[in-house]
Amino acid sequence: CYHAFFHSRNLDHQLGTNEEYDGLFISNGPGDPTKVETTIDNIKKAYEIGKPIFGICMGNQLMALAAGAQTYKLKYGNRGQNQPCVDLTSGKVFITPQNHGFAVDNQTLPADWKSYFIN
């Protein structure tokens, strides 16, 4: 399994089309997810390849942007421990730590996308 790590200062890294990988894991920020256009373009290319992609926090927002959705800045951000998060498939509530200042606008998700968790 091939791993490549990029520092947040290099978030707009140009992922080469010839790089071999088993899947992508896109982690958290910081910052406005709309500002890293090269990364969003790379995720679009990764969607075409069809390998597994997992996004957490800003990674999730970048995946949504690459799919055509929009994000928005939260007035106060969502920061701290013990934040409730609802699994929309089961209705169960999980308590999670969160630290983000932006969110995905669920109303702009493509028709073949759906939210699994909300808070």
PDB file of N, CA and C in Angstrom:
ATOM      1  N   CYS A   1       0.846  -1.170   0.000  1.00  0.00           N
ATOM      2  CA  CYS A   1       0.000   0.000   0.000  1.00  0.00           C
ATOM      3  C   CYS A   1       0.896   1.239   0.000  1.00  0.00           C
ATOM      4  N   TYR A   2       0.715   2.148  -0.929  1.00  0.00           N
ATOM      5  CA  TYR A   2       1.529   3.351  -1.071  1.00  0.00           C
ATOM      6  C   TYR A   2       0.911   4.497  -0.275  1.00  0.00           C
ATOM      7  N   HIS A   3       1.738   5.220   0.484  1.00  0.00           N
ATOM      8  CA  HIS A   3       1.280   6.374   1.246  1.00  0.00           C
ATOM      9  C   HIS A   3       2.083   7.591   0.824  1.00  0.00           C
ATOM     10  N   ALA A   4       1.419   8.700   0.628  1.00  0.00           N
ATOM     11  CA  ALA A   4       2.095   9.974   0.392  1.00  0.00           C
ATOM     12  C   ALA A   4       1.483  10.985   1.346  1.00  0.00           C
ATOM     13  N   PHE A   5       2.321  11.734   2.023  1.00  0.00           N
ATOM     14  CA  PHE A   5       1.855  12.717   2.991  1.00  0.00           C
ATOM     15  C   PHE A   5       2.278  14.097   2.530  1.00  0.00           C
ATOM     16  N   PHE A   6       1.380  15.050   2.617  1.00  0.00           N
ATOM     17  CA  PHE A   6       1.669  16.416   2.213  1.00  0.00           C
ATOM     18  C   PHE A   6       1.333  17.351   3.353  1.00  0.00           C
ATOM     19  N   HIS A   7       2.240  18.212   3.668  1.00  0.00           N
ATOM     20  CA  HIS A   7       2.029  19.190   4.736  1.00  0.00           C
ATOM     21  C   HIS A   7       0.922  20.146   4.319  1.00  0.00           C
ATOM     22  N   SER A   8       0.203  20.690   5.300  1.00  0.00           N
ATOM     23  CA  SER A   8      -0.916  21.582   4.991  1.00  0.00           C
ATOM     24  C   SER A   8      -0.485  22.797   4.186  1.00  0.00           C
ATOM     25  N   ARG A   9       0.774  23.210   4.301  1.00  0.00           N
ATOM     26  CA  ARG A   9       1.239  24.339   3.491  1.00  0.00           C
ATOM     27  C   ARG A   9       1.317  23.973   2.018  1.00  0.00           C
ATOM     28  N   ASN A  10       1.343  22.670   1.729  1.00  0.00           N
ATOM     29  CA  ASN A  10       1.413  22.197   0.355  1.00  0.00           C
ATOM     30  C   ASN A  10       0.112  21.524  -0.062  1.00  0.00           C
ATOM     31  N   LEU A  11      -1.004  21.994   0.465  1.00  0.00           N
ATOM     32  CA  LEU A  11      -2.285  21.352   0.208  1.00  0.00           C
ATOM     33  C   LEU A  11      -2.642  21.357  -1.264  1.00  0.00           C
ATOM     34  N   ASP A  12      -2.143  22.340  -2.006  1.00  0.00           N
ATOM     35  CA  ASP A  12      -2.411  22.375  -3.438  1.00  0.00           C
ATOM     36  C   ASP A  12      -1.393  21.559  -4.223  1.00  0.00           C
ATOM     37  N   HIS A  13      -0.874  20.503  -3.626  1.00  0.00           N
ATOM     38  CA  HIS A  13       0.065  19.603  -4.292  1.00  0.00           C
ATOM     39  C   HIS A  13      -0.572  19.042  -5.554  1.00  0.00           C
ATOM     40  N   GLN A  14       0.186  18.965  -6.607  1.00  0.00           N
ATOM     41  CA  GLN A  14      -0.300  18.421  -7.867  1.00  0.00           C
ATOM     42  C   GLN A  14      -0.097  16.913  -7.864  1.00  0.00           C
ATOM     43  N   LEU A  15      -1.135  16.166  -7.628  1.00  0.00           N
ATOM     44  CA  LEU A  15      -1.066  14.709  -7.631  1.00  0.00           C
ATOM     45  C   LEU A  15      -0.865  14.253  -9.060  1.00  0.00           C
ATOM     46  N   GLY A  16       0.244  13.583  -9.310  1.00  0.00           N
ATOM     47  CA  GLY A  16       0.536  13.107 -10.659  1.00  0.00           C
ATOM     48  C   GLY A  16      -0.423  12.019 -11.083  1.00  0.00           C
ATOM     49  N   THR A  17      -0.748  11.984 -12.348  1.00  0.00           N
ATOM     50  CA  THR A  17      -1.690  10.982 -12.839  1.00  0.00           C
ATOM     51  C   THR A  17      -1.062   9.596 -12.908  1.00  0.00           C
ATOM     52  N   ASN A  18       0.279   9.503 -12.813  1.00  0.00           N
ATOM     53  CA  ASN A  18       0.948   8.213 -12.893  1.00  0.00           C
ATOM     54  C   ASN A  18       1.260   7.624 -11.529  1.00  0.00           C
ATOM     55  N   GLU A  19       0.926   8.313 -10.453  1.00  0.00           N
ATOM     56  CA  GLU A  19       1.207   7.791  -9.120  1.00  0.00           C
ATOM     57  C   GLU A  19       0.259   6.639  -8.811  1.00  0.00           C
ATOM     58  N   GLU A  20       0.822   5.560  -8.285  1.00  0.00           N
ATOM     59  CA  GLU A  20       0.024   4.396  -7.903  1.00  0.00           C
ATOM     60  C   GLU A  20      -0.433   4.564  -6.456  1.00  0.00           C
ATOM     61  N   TYR A  21      -1.682   4.288  -6.193  1.00  0.00           N
ATOM     62  CA  TYR A  21      -2.191   4.310  -4.824  1.00  0.00           C
ATOM     63  C   TYR A  21      -3.414   3.417  -4.743  1.00  0.00           C
ATOM     64  N   ASP A  22      -3.692   2.961  -3.539  1.00  0.00           N
ATOM     65  CA  ASP A  22      -4.825   2.067  -3.313  1.00  0.00           C
ATOM     66  C   ASP A  22      -6.092   2.827  -2.941  1.00  0.00           C
ATOM     67  N   GLY A  23      -5.935   4.008  -2.403  1.00  0.00           N
ATOM     68  CA  GLY A  23      -7.057   4.829  -1.993  1.00  0.00           C
ATOM     69  C   GLY A  23      -6.540   6.156  -1.471  1.00  0.00           C
ATOM     70  N   LEU A  24      -7.421   7.122  -1.337  1.00  0.00           N
ATOM     71  CA  LEU A  24      -7.044   8.435  -0.824  1.00  0.00           C
ATOM     72  C   LEU A  24      -7.691   8.670   0.531  1.00  0.00           C
ATOM     73  N   PHE A  25      -6.928   9.252   1.437  1.00  0.00           N
ATOM     74  CA  PHE A  25      -7.445   9.708   2.719  1.00  0.00           C
ATOM     75  C   PHE A  25      -7.145  11.193   2.780  1.00  0.00           C
ATOM     76  N   ILE A  26      -8.173  12.006   2.804  1.00  0.00           N
ATOM     77  CA  ILE A  26      -8.010  13.457   2.805  1.00  0.00           C
ATOM     78  C   ILE A  26      -8.405  13.959   4.180  1.00  0.00           C
ATOM     79  N   SER A  27      -7.421  14.495   4.906  1.00  0.00           N
ATOM     80  CA  SER A  27      -7.662  14.859   6.302  1.00  0.00           C
ATOM     81  C   SER A  27      -8.070  16.315   6.451  1.00  0.00           C
ATOM     82  N   ASN A  28      -8.025  16.776   7.686  1.00  0.00           N
ATOM     83  CA  ASN A  28      -8.531  18.099   8.027  1.00  0.00           C
ATOM     84  C   ASN A  28      -7.623  19.240   7.585  1.00  0.00           C
ATOM     85  N   GLY A  29      -8.137  20.465   7.723  1.00  0.00           N
ATOM     86  CA  GLY A  29      -7.609  21.724   7.217  1.00  0.00           C
ATOM     87  C   GLY A  29      -6.294  22.169   7.767  1.00  0.00           C
ATOM     88  N   PRO A  30      -6.131  23.405   7.943  1.00  0.00           N
ATOM     89  CA  PRO A  30      -7.093  24.469   8.265  1.00  0.00           C
ATOM     90  C   PRO A  30      -7.508  25.277   7.035  1.00  0.00           C
ATOM     91  N   GLY A  31      -8.521  26.108   7.235  1.00  0.00           N
ATOM     92  CA  GLY A  31      -8.855  27.119   6.252  1.00  0.00           C
ATOM     93  C   GLY A  31     -10.117  26.886   5.460  1.00  0.00           C
ATOM     94  N   ASP A  32     -10.292  27.788   4.503  1.00  0.00           N
ATOM     95  CA  ASP A  32     -11.444  27.802   3.611  1.00  0.00           C
ATOM     96  C   ASP A  32     -11.230  26.750   2.527  1.00  0.00           C
ATOM     97  N   PRO A  33     -12.080  25.743   2.457  1.00  0.00           N
ATOM     98  CA  PRO A  33     -11.863  24.677   1.482  1.00  0.00           C
ATOM     99  C   PRO A  33     -11.946  25.140   0.028  1.00  0.00           C
ATOM    100  N   THR A  34     -12.605  26.247  -0.239  1.00  0.00           N
ATOM    101  CA  THR A  34     -12.723  26.711  -1.631  1.00  0.00           C
ATOM    102  C   THR A  34     -11.426  27.311  -2.158  1.00  0.00           C
ATOM    103  N   LYS A  35     -10.466  27.559  -1.287  1.00  0.00           N
ATOM    104  CA  LYS A  35      -9.222  28.229  -1.680  1.00  0.00           C
ATOM    105  C   LYS A  35      -8.176  27.288  -2.254  1.00  0.00           C
ATOM    106  N   VAL A  36      -8.390  25.999  -2.183  1.00  0.00           N
ATOM    107  CA  VAL A  36      -7.394  25.040  -2.673  1.00  0.00           C
ATOM    108  C   VAL A  36      -7.909  24.379  -3.960  1.00  0.00           C
ATOM    109  N   GLU A  37      -7.960  25.183  -5.003  1.00  0.00           N
ATOM    110  CA  GLU A  37      -8.565  24.752  -6.272  1.00  0.00           C
ATOM    111  C   GLU A  37      -7.835  23.583  -6.916  1.00  0.00           C
ATOM    112  N   THR A  38      -6.503  23.568  -6.832  1.00  0.00           N
ATOM    113  CA  THR A  38      -5.753  22.461  -7.424  1.00  0.00           C
ATOM    114  C   THR A  38      -6.113  21.149  -6.749  1.00  0.00           C
ATOM    115  N   THR A  39      -6.249  21.184  -5.436  1.00  0.00           N
ATOM    116  CA  THR A  39      -6.626  19.978  -4.696  1.00  0.00           C
ATOM    117  C   THR A  39      -8.019  19.514  -5.117  1.00  0.00           C
ATOM    118  N   ILE A  40      -8.952  20.434  -5.248  1.00  0.00           N
ATOM    119  CA  ILE A  40     -10.314  20.085  -5.678  1.00  0.00           C
ATOM    120  C   ILE A  40     -10.271  19.453  -7.077  1.00  0.00           C
ATOM    121  N   ASP A  41      -9.472  20.022  -7.967  1.00  0.00           N
ATOM    122  CA  ASP A  41      -9.328  19.448  -9.309  1.00  0.00           C
ATOM    123  C   ASP A  41      -8.733  18.044  -9.249  1.00  0.00           C
ATOM    124  N   ASN A  42      -7.762  17.831  -8.350  1.00  0.00           N
ATOM    125  CA  ASN A  42      -7.164  16.505  -8.194  1.00  0.00           C
ATOM    126  C   ASN A  42      -8.176  15.495  -7.681  1.00  0.00           C
ATOM    127  N   ILE A  43      -9.041  15.927  -6.789  1.00  0.00           N
ATOM    128  CA  ILE A  43     -10.072  15.018  -6.275  1.00  0.00           C
ATOM    129  C   ILE A  43     -11.045  14.648  -7.394  1.00  0.00           C
ATOM    130  N   LYS A  44     -11.371  15.610  -8.245  1.00  0.00           N
ATOM    131  CA  LYS A  44     -12.228  15.306  -9.407  1.00  0.00           C
ATOM    132  C   LYS A  44     -11.591  14.226 -10.273  1.00  0.00           C
ATOM    133  N   LYS A  45     -10.281  14.331 -10.497  1.00  0.00           N
ATOM    134  CA  LYS A  45      -9.562  13.313 -11.276  1.00  0.00           C
ATOM    135  C   LYS A  45      -9.596  11.971 -10.555  1.00  0.00           C
ATOM    136  N   ALA A  46      -9.449  11.998  -9.233  1.00  0.00           N
ATOM    137  CA  ALA A  46      -9.480  10.765  -8.453  1.00  0.00           C
ATOM    138  C   ALA A  46     -10.858  10.101  -8.542  1.00  0.00           C
ATOM    139  N   TYR A  47     -11.924  10.882  -8.582  1.00  0.00           N
ATOM    140  CA  TYR A  47     -13.267  10.311  -8.744  1.00  0.00           C
ATOM    141  C   TYR A  47     -13.348   9.518 -10.046  1.00  0.00           C
ATOM    142  N   GLU A  48     -12.742  10.037 -11.105  1.00  0.00           N
ATOM    143  CA  GLU A  48     -12.782   9.364 -12.405  1.00  0.00           C
ATOM    144  C   GLU A  48     -12.040   8.033 -12.371  1.00  0.00           C
ATOM    145  N   ILE A  49     -10.985   7.934 -11.546  1.00  0.00           N
ATOM    146  CA  ILE A  49     -10.214   6.703 -11.436  1.00  0.00           C
ATOM    147  C   ILE A  49     -11.028   5.629 -10.722  1.00  0.00           C
ATOM    148  N   GLY A  50     -11.842   6.049  -9.760  1.00  0.00           N
ATOM    149  CA  GLY A  50     -12.753   5.126  -9.103  1.00  0.00           C
ATOM    150  C   GLY A  50     -12.201   4.387  -7.901  1.00  0.00           C
ATOM    151  N   LYS A  51     -11.081   4.826  -7.360  1.00  0.00           N
ATOM    152  CA  LYS A  51     -10.537   4.186  -6.162  1.00  0.00           C
ATOM    153  C   LYS A  51     -11.198   4.786  -4.922  1.00  0.00           C
ATOM    154  N   PRO A  52     -11.153   4.071  -3.796  1.00  0.00           N
ATOM    155  CA  PRO A  52     -11.797   4.568  -2.575  1.00  0.00           C
ATOM    156  C   PRO A  52     -11.201   5.900  -2.113  1.00  0.00           C
ATOM    157  N   ILE A  53     -12.090   6.773  -1.635  1.00  0.00           N
ATOM    158  CA  ILE A  53     -11.669   8.071  -1.094  1.00  0.00           C
ATOM    159  C   ILE A  53     -12.399   8.278   0.222  1.00  0.00           C
ATOM    160  N   PHE A  54     -11.660   8.691   1.242  1.00  0.00           N
ATOM    161  CA  PHE A  54     -12.237   8.977   2.546  1.00  0.00           C
ATOM    162  C   PHE A  54     -11.832  10.390   2.934  1.00  0.00           C
ATOM    163  N   GLY A  55     -12.792  11.213   3.309  1.00  0.00           N
ATOM    164  CA  GLY A  55     -12.505  12.582   3.728  1.00  0.00           C
ATOM    165  C   GLY A  55     -12.980  12.826   5.139  1.00  0.00           C
ATOM    166  N   ILE A  56     -12.142  13.459   5.936  1.00  0.00           N
ATOM    167  CA  ILE A  56     -12.518  13.815   7.299  1.00  0.00           C
ATOM    168  C   ILE A  56     -12.388  15.331   7.442  1.00  0.00           C
ATOM    169  N   CYS A  57     -13.395  15.960   8.023  1.00  0.00           N
ATOM    170  CA  CYS A  57     -13.420  17.403   8.263  1.00  0.00           C
ATOM    171  C   CYS A  57     -13.264  18.152   6.938  1.00  0.00           C
ATOM    172  N   MET A  58     -12.173  18.891   6.769  1.00  0.00           N
ATOM    173  CA  MET A  58     -11.984  19.638   5.524  1.00  0.00           C
ATOM    174  C   MET A  58     -11.897  18.691   4.328  1.00  0.00           C
ATOM    175  N   GLY A  59     -11.386  17.479   4.549  1.00  0.00           N
ATOM    176  CA  GLY A  59     -11.345  16.499   3.462  1.00  0.00           C
ATOM    177  C   GLY A  59     -12.735  16.176   2.944  1.00  0.00           C
ATOM    178  N   ASN A  60     -13.693  16.058   3.842  1.00  0.00           N
ATOM    179  CA  ASN A  60     -15.086  15.835   3.469  1.00  0.00           C
ATOM    180  C   ASN A  60     -15.621  17.029   2.663  1.00  0.00           C
ATOM    181  N   GLN A  61     -15.287  18.229   3.104  1.00  0.00           N
ATOM    182  CA  GLN A  61     -15.731  19.435   2.407  1.00  0.00           C
ATOM    183  C   GLN A  61     -15.118  19.506   1.005  1.00  0.00           C
ATOM    184  N   LEU A  62     -13.838  19.143   0.883  1.00  0.00           N
ATOM    185  CA  LEU A  62     -13.174  19.142  -0.422  1.00  0.00           C
ATOM    186  C   LEU A  62     -13.804  18.118  -1.362  1.00  0.00           C
ATOM    187  N   MET A  63     -14.157  16.957  -0.829  1.00  0.00           N
ATOM    188  CA  MET A  63     -14.825  15.947  -1.642  1.00  0.00           C
ATOM    189  C   MET A  63     -16.164  16.468  -2.157  1.00  0.00           C
ATOM    190  N   ALA A  64     -16.913  17.139  -1.290  1.00  0.00           N
ATOM    191  CA  ALA A  64     -18.207  17.697  -1.695  1.00  0.00           C
ATOM    192  C   ALA A  64     -18.027  18.759  -2.775  1.00  0.00           C
ATOM    193  N   LEU A  65     -17.037  19.639  -2.605  1.00  0.00           N
ATOM    194  CA  LEU A  65     -16.772  20.667  -3.619  1.00  0.00           C
ATOM    195  C   LEU A  65     -16.397  20.032  -4.956  1.00  0.00           C
ATOM    196  N   ALA A  66     -15.581  18.986  -4.917  1.00  0.00           N
ATOM    197  CA  ALA A  66     -15.179  18.311  -6.150  1.00  0.00           C
ATOM    198  C   ALA A  66     -16.363  17.650  -6.849  1.00  0.00           C
ATOM    199  N   ALA A  67     -17.373  17.278  -6.073  1.00  0.00           N
ATOM    200  CA  ALA A  67     -18.572  16.657  -6.638  1.00  0.00           C
ATOM    201  C   ALA A  67     -19.558  17.692  -7.173  1.00  0.00           C
ATOM    202  N   GLY A  68     -19.322  18.981  -6.870  1.00  0.00           N
ATOM    203  CA  GLY A  68     -20.203  20.037  -7.366  1.00  0.00           C
ATOM    204  C   GLY A  68     -21.035  20.721  -6.305  1.00  0.00           C
ATOM    205  N   ALA A  69     -20.895  20.325  -5.057  1.00  0.00           N
ATOM    206  CA  ALA A  69     -21.639  20.961  -3.965  1.00  0.00           C
ATOM    207  C   ALA A  69     -20.956  22.262  -3.550  1.00  0.00           C
ATOM    208  N   GLN A  70     -21.562  22.949  -2.619  1.00  0.00           N
ATOM    209  CA  GLN A  70     -21.014  24.197  -2.108  1.00  0.00           C
ATOM    210  C   GLN A  70     -20.786  24.083  -0.603  1.00  0.00           C
ATOM    211  N   THR A  71     -19.881  24.919  -0.106  1.00  0.00           N
ATOM    212  CA  THR A  71     -19.648  25.010   1.326  1.00  0.00           C
ATOM    213  C   THR A  71     -19.967  26.422   1.786  1.00  0.00           C
ATOM    214  N   TYR A  72     -20.106  26.591   3.092  1.00  0.00           N
ATOM    215  CA  TYR A  72     -20.344  27.924   3.641  1.00  0.00           C
ATOM    216  C   TYR A  72     -19.621  28.051   4.977  1.00  0.00           C
ATOM    217  N   LYS A  73     -19.301  29.295   5.334  1.00  0.00           N
ATOM    218  CA  LYS A  73     -18.616  29.574   6.590  1.00  0.00           C
ATOM    219  C   LYS A  73     -19.643  29.601   7.720  1.00  0.00           C
ATOM    220  N   LEU A  74     -19.342  28.878   8.790  1.00  0.00           N
ATOM    221  CA  LEU A  74     -20.202  28.884   9.966  1.00  0.00           C
ATOM    222  C   LEU A  74     -19.980  30.174  10.751  1.00  0.00           C
ATOM    223  N   LYS A  75     -21.033  30.720  11.330  1.00  0.00           N
ATOM    224  CA  LYS A  75     -20.926  31.988  12.044  1.00  0.00           C
ATOM    225  C   LYS A  75     -19.917  31.908  13.188  1.00  0.00           C
ATOM    226  N   TYR A  76     -19.972  30.840  13.976  1.00  0.00           N
ATOM    227  CA  TYR A  76     -19.078  30.697  15.121  1.00  0.00           C
ATOM    228  C   TYR A  76     -18.127  29.507  14.990  1.00  0.00           C
ATOM    229  N   GLY A  77     -18.332  28.675  14.024  1.00  0.00           N
ATOM    230  CA  GLY A  77     -17.568  27.441  13.922  1.00  0.00           C
ATOM    231  C   GLY A  77     -18.155  26.387  14.835  1.00  0.00           C
ATOM    232  N   ASN A  78     -17.733  25.177  14.645  1.00  0.00           N
ATOM    233  CA  ASN A  78     -18.197  24.069  15.471  1.00  0.00           C
ATOM    234  C   ASN A  78     -16.965  23.480  16.129  1.00  0.00           C
ATOM    235  N   ARG A  79     -16.723  23.860  17.368  1.00  0.00           N
ATOM    236  CA  ARG A  79     -15.471  23.521  18.018  1.00  0.00           C
ATOM    237  C   ARG A  79     -15.732  22.933  19.404  1.00  0.00           C
ATOM    238  N   GLY A  80     -15.011  21.878  19.717  1.00  0.00           N
ATOM    239  CA  GLY A  80     -15.080  21.346  21.064  1.00  0.00           C
ATOM    240  C   GLY A  80     -15.391  19.874  21.124  1.00  0.00           C
ATOM    241  N   GLN A  81     -15.357  19.380  22.333  1.00  0.00           N
ATOM    242  CA  GLN A  81     -15.679  17.986  22.636  1.00  0.00           C
ATOM    243  C   GLN A  81     -17.184  17.836  22.790  1.00  0.00           C
ATOM    244  N   ASN A  82     -17.641  16.626  22.782  1.00  0.00           N
ATOM    245  CA  ASN A  82     -19.034  16.295  23.089  1.00  0.00           C
ATOM    246  C   ASN A  82     -20.050  16.964  22.166  1.00  0.00           C
ATOM    247  N   GLN A  83     -19.768  16.960  20.860  1.00  0.00           N
ATOM    248  CA  GLN A  83     -20.706  17.493  19.875  1.00  0.00           C
ATOM    249  C   GLN A  83     -21.572  16.338  19.356  1.00  0.00           C
ATOM    250  N   PRO A  84     -22.907  16.445  19.466  1.00  0.00           N
ATOM    251  CA  PRO A  84     -23.755  15.354  18.975  1.00  0.00           C
ATOM    252  C   PRO A  84     -23.739  15.294  17.449  1.00  0.00           C
ATOM    253  N   CYS A  85     -23.730  14.084  16.933  1.00  0.00           N
ATOM    254  CA  CYS A  85     -23.711  13.856  15.495  1.00  0.00           C
ATOM    255  C   CYS A  85     -24.671  12.704  15.207  1.00  0.00           C
ATOM    256  N   VAL A  86     -25.650  12.921  14.328  1.00  0.00           N
ATOM    257  CA  VAL A  86     -26.692  11.934  14.065  1.00  0.00           C
ATOM    258  C   VAL A  86     -26.358  11.124  12.812  1.00  0.00           C
ATOM    259  N   ASP A  87     -26.367   9.794  12.952  1.00  0.00           N
ATOM    260  CA  ASP A  87     -26.224   8.881  11.821  1.00  0.00           C
ATOM    261  C   ASP A  87     -27.592   8.808  11.146  1.00  0.00           C
ATOM    262  N   LEU A  88     -27.706   9.337   9.935  1.00  0.00           N
ATOM    263  CA  LEU A  88     -28.996   9.406   9.258  1.00  0.00           C
ATOM    264  C   LEU A  88     -29.489   8.048   8.765  1.00  0.00           C
ATOM    265  N   THR A  89     -28.609   7.052   8.709  1.00  0.00           N
ATOM    266  CA  THR A  89     -29.051   5.727   8.278  1.00  0.00           C
ATOM    267  C   THR A  89     -29.684   4.936   9.421  1.00  0.00           C
ATOM    268  N   SER A  90     -29.243   5.187  10.649  1.00  0.00           N
ATOM    269  CA  SER A  90     -29.768   4.418  11.780  1.00  0.00           C
ATOM    270  C   SER A  90     -30.537   5.269  12.789  1.00  0.00           C
ATOM    271  N   GLY A  91     -30.315   6.588  12.754  1.00  0.00           N
ATOM    272  CA  GLY A  91     -30.934   7.471  13.732  1.00  0.00           C
ATOM    273  C   GLY A  91     -30.169   7.552  15.040  1.00  0.00           C
ATOM    274  N   LYS A  92     -29.075   6.800  15.149  1.00  0.00           N
ATOM    275  CA  LYS A  92     -28.272   6.824  16.375  1.00  0.00           C
ATOM    276  C   LYS A  92     -27.490   8.129  16.469  1.00  0.00           C
ATOM    277  N   VAL A  93     -27.273   8.565  17.698  1.00  0.00           N
ATOM    278  CA  VAL A  93     -26.504   9.780  17.954  1.00  0.00           C
ATOM    279  C   VAL A  93     -25.153   9.390  18.537  1.00  0.00           C
ATOM    280  N   PHE A  94     -24.104   9.979  17.998  1.00  0.00           N
ATOM    281  CA  PHE A  94     -22.754   9.760  18.495  1.00  0.00           C
ATOM    282  C   PHE A  94     -22.224  11.067  19.055  1.00  0.00           C
ATOM    283  N   ILE A  95     -21.400  10.981  20.055  1.00  0.00           N
ATOM    284  CA  ILE A  95     -20.757  12.164  20.628  1.00  0.00           C
ATOM    285  C   ILE A  95     -19.355  12.241  20.035  1.00  0.00           C
ATOM    286  N   THR A  96     -19.040  13.369  19.410  1.00  0.00           N
ATOM    287  CA  THR A  96     -17.797  13.496  18.659  1.00  0.00           C
ATOM    288  C   THR A  96     -17.050  14.772  19.025  1.00  0.00           C
ATOM    289  N   PRO A  97     -15.721  14.784  18.854  1.00  0.00           N
ATOM    290  CA  PRO A  97     -14.966  16.039  18.937  1.00  0.00           C
ATOM    291  C   PRO A  97     -14.965  16.688  17.554  1.00  0.00           C
ATOM    292  N   GLN A  98     -15.114  17.991  17.489  1.00  0.00           N
ATOM    293  CA  GLN A  98     -15.137  18.669  16.196  1.00  0.00           C
ATOM    294  C   GLN A  98     -14.387  19.990  16.275  1.00  0.00           C
ATOM    295  N   ASN A  99     -13.833  20.388  15.147  1.00  0.00           N
ATOM    296  CA  ASN A  99     -13.113  21.650  15.058  1.00  0.00           C
ATOM    297  C   ASN A  99     -13.128  22.110  13.605  1.00  0.00           C
ATOM    298  N   HIS A 100     -14.209  22.732  13.185  1.00  0.00           N
ATOM    299  CA  HIS A 100     -14.278  23.229  11.815  1.00  0.00           C
ATOM    300  C   HIS A 100     -15.058  24.536  11.743  1.00  0.00           C
ATOM    301  N   GLY A 101     -14.681  25.345  10.784  1.00  0.00           N
ATOM    302  CA  GLY A 101     -15.317  26.643  10.595  1.00  0.00           C
ATOM    303  C   GLY A 101     -16.172  26.721   9.349  1.00  0.00           C
ATOM    304  N   PHE A 102     -16.225  25.625   8.581  1.00  0.00           N
ATOM    305  CA  PHE A 102     -17.004  25.577   7.345  1.00  0.00           C
ATOM    306  C   PHE A 102     -17.854  24.319   7.347  1.00  0.00           C
ATOM    307  N   ALA A 103     -18.896  24.314   6.533  1.00  0.00           N
ATOM    308  CA  ALA A 103     -19.776  23.149   6.427  1.00  0.00           C
ATOM    309  C   ALA A 103     -20.221  22.984   4.981  1.00  0.00           C
ATOM    310  N   VAL A 104     -20.662  21.778   4.648  1.00  0.00           N
ATOM    311  CA  VAL A 104     -21.205  21.493   3.320  1.00  0.00           C
ATOM    312  C   VAL A 104     -22.677  21.879   3.316  1.00  0.00           C
ATOM    313  N   ASP A 105     -23.109  22.573   2.271  1.00  0.00           N
ATOM    314  CA  ASP A 105     -24.521  22.895   2.087  1.00  0.00           C
ATOM    315  C   ASP A 105     -25.193  21.660   1.497  1.00  0.00           C
ATOM    316  N   ASN A 106     -25.898  20.899   2.331  1.00  0.00           N
ATOM    317  CA  ASN A 106     -26.510  19.647   1.887  1.00  0.00           C
ATOM    318  C   ASN A 106     -27.496  19.826   0.743  1.00  0.00           C
ATOM    319  N   GLN A 107     -28.082  21.010   0.634  1.00  0.00           N
ATOM    320  CA  GLN A 107     -29.051  21.262  -0.440  1.00  0.00           C
ATOM    321  C   GLN A 107     -28.381  21.317  -1.814  1.00  0.00           C
ATOM    322  N   THR A 108     -27.045  21.457  -1.841  1.00  0.00           N
ATOM    323  CA  THR A 108     -26.330  21.556  -3.116  1.00  0.00           C
ATOM    324  C   THR A 108     -25.630  20.257  -3.512  1.00  0.00           C
ATOM    325  N   LEU A 109     -25.792  19.209  -2.716  1.00  0.00           N
ATOM    326  CA  LEU A 109     -25.182  17.923  -3.059  1.00  0.00           C
ATOM    327  C   LEU A 109     -25.782  17.378  -4.352  1.00  0.00           C
ATOM    328  N   PRO A 110     -24.975  16.739  -5.189  1.00  0.00           N
ATOM    329  CA  PRO A 110     -25.524  16.113  -6.404  1.00  0.00           C
ATOM    330  C   PRO A 110     -26.577  15.069  -6.052  1.00  0.00           C
ATOM    331  N   ALA A 111     -27.432  14.756  -7.002  1.00  0.00           N
ATOM    332  CA  ALA A 111     -28.555  13.842  -6.762  1.00  0.00           C
ATOM    333  C   ALA A 111     -28.104  12.461  -6.287  1.00  0.00           C
ATOM    334  N   ASP A 112     -26.930  12.010  -6.716  1.00  0.00           N
ATOM    335  CA  ASP A 112     -26.472  10.679  -6.321  1.00  0.00           C
ATOM    336  C   ASP A 112     -25.623  10.695  -5.052  1.00  0.00           C
ATOM    337  N   TRP A 113     -25.606  11.811  -4.352  1.00  0.00           N
ATOM    338  CA  TRP A 113     -24.899  11.935  -3.058  1.00  0.00           C
ATOM    339  C   TRP A 113     -25.934  12.105  -1.958  1.00  0.00           C
ATOM    340  N   LYS A 114     -25.594  11.640  -0.755  1.00  0.00           N
ATOM    341  CA  LYS A 114     -26.464  11.882   0.388  1.00  0.00           C
ATOM    342  C   LYS A 114     -25.614  12.055   1.644  1.00  0.00           C
ATOM    343  N   SER A 115     -26.159  12.750   2.594  1.00  0.00           N
ATOM    344  CA  SER A 115     -25.491  12.937   3.880  1.00  0.00           C
ATOM    345  C   SER A 115     -25.690  11.691   4.729  1.00  0.00           C
ATOM    346  N   TYR A 116     -24.637  11.285   5.425  1.00  0.00           N
ATOM    347  CA  TYR A 116     -24.747  10.169   6.356  1.00  0.00           C
ATOM    348  C   TYR A 116     -24.839  10.666   7.788  1.00  0.00           C
ATOM    349  N   PHE A 117     -24.151  11.762   8.099  1.00  0.00           N
ATOM    350  CA  PHE A 117     -24.126  12.309   9.444  1.00  0.00           C
ATOM    351  C   PHE A 117     -24.416  13.802   9.398  1.00  0.00           C
ATOM    352  N   ILE A 118     -25.157  14.305  10.371  1.00  0.00           N
ATOM    353  CA  ILE A 118     -25.366  15.749  10.515  1.00  0.00           C
ATOM    354  C   ILE A 118     -25.263  16.096  11.997  1.00  0.00           C
ATOM    355  N   ASN A 119     -24.995  17.363  12.249  1.00  0.00           N
ATOM    356  CA  ASN A 119     -25.014  17.829  13.640  1.00  0.00           C
ATOM    357  C   ASN A 119     -25.463  19.267  13.678  1.00  0.00           C
TER     358      ASN A 119
END
